[in-house]
Amino acid sequence: MDGLIGILMVIGLFLLRIGLPVITLVVLGILIDRWQSKREKELAEYRQTAPAMESAAAQVNGEPEEVKVTV
């Protein structure tokens, strides 16, 4: 009986030592994936609704603006 309890204790500690971190990493990966998908969707919607803001951002970032000169 002591042998069975010892084996069960080793299996339990193995699952605690290996299984818990693996489960934690999988859950963390799923949460990050959902967050990233939501963020990309929001950015795509923002880009469609605010095209004027992109040109303003380009000016702030130092990108050259097209200038029409008439003589």
Protein backbone atom coordinates (compact mmCIF):
# COMPACT_ATOMS: atom_id res chain seq x y z
CA MET A 1 0.00 0.00 0.00
CA ASP A 2 2.87 2.36 0.77
CA GLY A 3 4.24 1.73 -2.71
CA LEU A 4 0.95 2.76 -4.34
CA ILE A 5 0.74 5.92 -2.27
CA GLY A 6 4.35 6.74 -3.14
CA ILE A 7 3.65 6.26 -6.86
CA LEU A 8 0.52 8.43 -6.66
CA MET A 9 2.47 11.13 -4.84
CA VAL A 10 5.17 11.12 -7.53
CA ILE A 11 2.54 11.31 -10.29
CA GLY A 12 0.76 14.14 -8.46
CA LEU A 13 3.93 16.13 -7.98
CA PHE A 14 4.91 15.54 -11.62
CA LEU A 15 1.54 16.88 -12.79
CA LEU A 16 1.86 19.83 -10.44
CA ARG A 17 5.41 20.59 -11.58
CA ILE A 18 4.86 20.10 -15.33
CA GLY A 19 1.10 20.21 -15.95
CA LEU A 20 0.28 23.44 -14.13
CA PRO A 21 2.81 25.59 -16.01
CA VAL A 22 1.74 24.07 -19.34
CA ILE A 23 -1.92 24.79 -18.62
CA THR A 24 -1.00 28.33 -17.54
CA LEU A 25 0.96 28.95 -20.75
CA VAL A 26 -1.85 27.61 -22.93
CA VAL A 27 -4.43 29.82 -21.21
CA LEU A 28 -2.12 32.84 -21.46
CA GLY A 29 -1.58 32.15 -25.18
CA ILE A 30 -5.33 31.96 -25.81
CA LEU A 31 -5.92 35.23 -23.95
CA ILE A 32 -3.16 37.03 -25.87
CA ASP A 33 -4.50 35.70 -29.18
CA ARG A 34 -8.01 36.95 -28.39
CA TRP A 35 -6.67 40.34 -27.31
CA GLN A 36 -4.58 40.66 -30.48
CA SER A 37 -7.50 39.69 -32.74
CA LYS A 38 -9.76 42.21 -31.01
CA ARG A 39 -7.11 44.93 -31.31
CA GLU A 40 -6.51 44.25 -35.01
CA LYS A 41 -10.26 44.38 -35.66
CA GLU A 42 -10.58 47.70 -33.83
CA LEU A 43 -7.62 49.13 -35.77
CA ALA A 44 -9.13 48.03 -39.08
CA GLU A 45 -12.43 49.69 -38.17
CA TYR A 46 -10.61 52.85 -37.09
CA ARG A 47 -8.68 53.03 -40.34
CA GLN A 48 -11.90 52.77 -42.35
CA THR A 49 -13.72 55.45 -40.37
CA ALA A 50 -10.95 58.03 -40.01
CA PRO A 51 -8.93 58.39 -43.24
CA ALA A 52 -8.31 62.11 -42.58
CA MET A 53 -6.51 61.24 -39.37
CA GLU A 54 -3.97 59.15 -41.31
CA SER A 55 -2.83 62.12 -43.38
CA ALA A 56 -2.52 64.22 -40.23
CA ALA A 57 -0.49 61.46 -38.62
CA ALA A 58 1.74 61.31 -41.70
CA GLN A 59 2.48 65.02 -41.35
CA VAL A 60 3.35 64.60 -37.68
CA ASN A 61 5.61 61.63 -38.46
CA GLY A 62 7.61 63.71 -40.91
CA GLU A 63 6.42 62.11 -44.11
CA PRO A 64 6.37 64.59 -47.00
CA GLU A 65 3.05 65.97 -48.05
CA GLU A 66 2.19 66.47 -51.70
CA VAL A 67 2.27 70.17 -52.51
CA LYS A 68 0.72 71.53 -55.69
CA VAL A 69 2.33 74.71 -56.96
CA THR A 70 0.62 76.81 -59.59
CA VAL A 71 2.33 79.66 -61.37
